């Protein structure tokens, strides 16, 4: 028996916001925006959120703003916990 492929074909229960969020995170990981300077990152987010708004027209401006905030947080560097780095 073949295995069922899990993907968007089977995830019709996801909301437009959830699909757009997943798309945004995928774009972030695949487009190299993590290494971009702040000016280029801002332009990239402007263009990408415009694209996602066109691709998912049911998303309100507030939902797109939330997506941008999530994406910008996703791009922030991980803050290390210095306590775990110290040796006794």
Protein backbone atom coordinates (compact mmCIF):
# COMPACT_ATOMS: atom_id res chain seq x y z
CA UNK A 1 0.00 0.00 0.00
CA UNK A 2 1.16 3.50 -0.76
CA UNK A 3 1.54 6.05 1.95
CA UNK A 4 -0.75 9.02 2.05
CA UNK A 5 1.00 12.22 1.09
CA UNK A 6 0.43 14.92 3.66
CA UNK A 7 0.23 18.41 2.26
CA UNK A 8 -2.12 21.21 1.40
CA UNK A 9 -4.20 18.87 -0.73
CA UNK A 10 -5.31 17.20 2.50
CA UNK A 11 -5.33 20.33 4.69
CA UNK A 12 -8.44 22.01 3.39
CA UNK A 13 -9.47 22.59 6.99
CA UNK A 14 -6.75 25.22 7.43
CA UNK A 15 -7.91 28.82 7.40
CA UNK A 16 -6.64 31.31 4.83
CA UNK A 17 -4.60 32.91 7.63
CA UNK A 18 -2.96 29.59 8.53
CA UNK A 19 -2.11 28.86 4.90
CA UNK A 20 -0.72 32.38 4.40
CA UNK A 21 1.34 32.08 7.61
CA UNK A 22 2.81 28.77 6.49
CA UNK A 23 3.55 30.24 3.07
CA UNK A 24 5.24 33.27 4.64
CA UNK A 25 7.48 31.14 6.84
CA UNK A 26 8.38 28.96 3.87
CA UNK A 27 9.25 32.02 1.80
CA UNK A 28 11.39 33.39 4.64
CA UNK A 29 13.37 30.17 4.84
CA UNK A 30 13.76 29.80 1.07
CA UNK A 31 14.38 33.39 -0.05
CA UNK A 32 17.46 34.33 1.99
CA UNK A 33 15.74 37.21 3.75
CA UNK A 34 17.27 36.09 7.05
CA UNK A 35 20.67 37.30 5.84
CA UNK A 36 19.37 40.58 4.36
CA UNK A 37 20.04 43.98 5.92
CA UNK A 38 17.12 45.79 7.54
CA UNK A 39 16.36 48.00 4.50
CA UNK A 40 16.16 45.05 2.10
CA UNK A 41 14.23 43.00 4.66
CA UNK A 42 11.62 45.78 4.93
CA UNK A 43 11.26 45.91 1.14
CA UNK A 44 11.01 42.12 1.01
CA UNK A 45 8.24 42.10 3.62
CA UNK A 46 6.39 44.90 1.81
CA UNK A 47 6.46 42.94 -1.46
CA UNK A 48 5.73 39.56 0.11
CA UNK A 49 2.78 40.76 2.19
CA UNK A 50 1.38 42.50 -0.88
CA UNK A 51 1.67 39.18 -2.75
CA UNK A 52 0.05 37.24 0.10
CA UNK A 53 -2.77 39.78 0.27
CA UNK A 54 -3.46 39.23 -3.43
CA UNK A 55 -3.15 35.45 -3.10
CA UNK A 56 -5.47 35.34 -0.08
CA UNK A 57 -8.00 38.15 -0.69
CA UNK A 58 -10.13 37.12 2.29
CA UNK A 59 -7.41 38.31 4.69
CA UNK A 60 -8.11 41.69 6.26
CA UNK A 61 -5.50 44.41 6.65
CA UNK A 62 -5.33 43.52 10.36
CA UNK A 63 -4.62 39.86 9.57
CA UNK A 64 -1.90 40.88 7.09
CA UNK A 65 -0.38 43.13 9.76
CA UNK A 66 -0.40 40.17 12.16
CA UNK A 67 1.31 38.02 9.52
CA UNK A 68 3.99 40.67 9.08
CA UNK A 69 4.58 40.84 12.83
CA UNK A 70 4.88 37.05 13.03
CA UNK A 71 7.25 37.00 10.07
CA UNK A 72 9.45 39.77 11.48
CA UNK A 73 9.65 37.95 14.81
CA UNK A 74 10.52 34.75 12.97
CA UNK A 75 13.47 36.57 11.36
CA UNK A 76 14.91 37.81 14.65
CA UNK A 77 18.03 36.04 15.88
CA UNK A 78 17.71 33.56 18.68
CA UNK A 79 18.74 35.03 22.02
CA UNK A 80 21.04 32.65 23.84
CA UNK A 81 20.70 32.07 27.54
CA UNK A 82 24.12 32.97 28.96
CA UNK A 83 23.44 30.93 32.09
CA UNK A 84 23.68 27.72 30.07
CA UNK A 85 27.02 28.79 28.59
CA UNK A 86 28.77 29.48 31.89
CA UNK A 87 30.79 26.71 33.44
CA UNK A 88 31.45 26.37 37.13
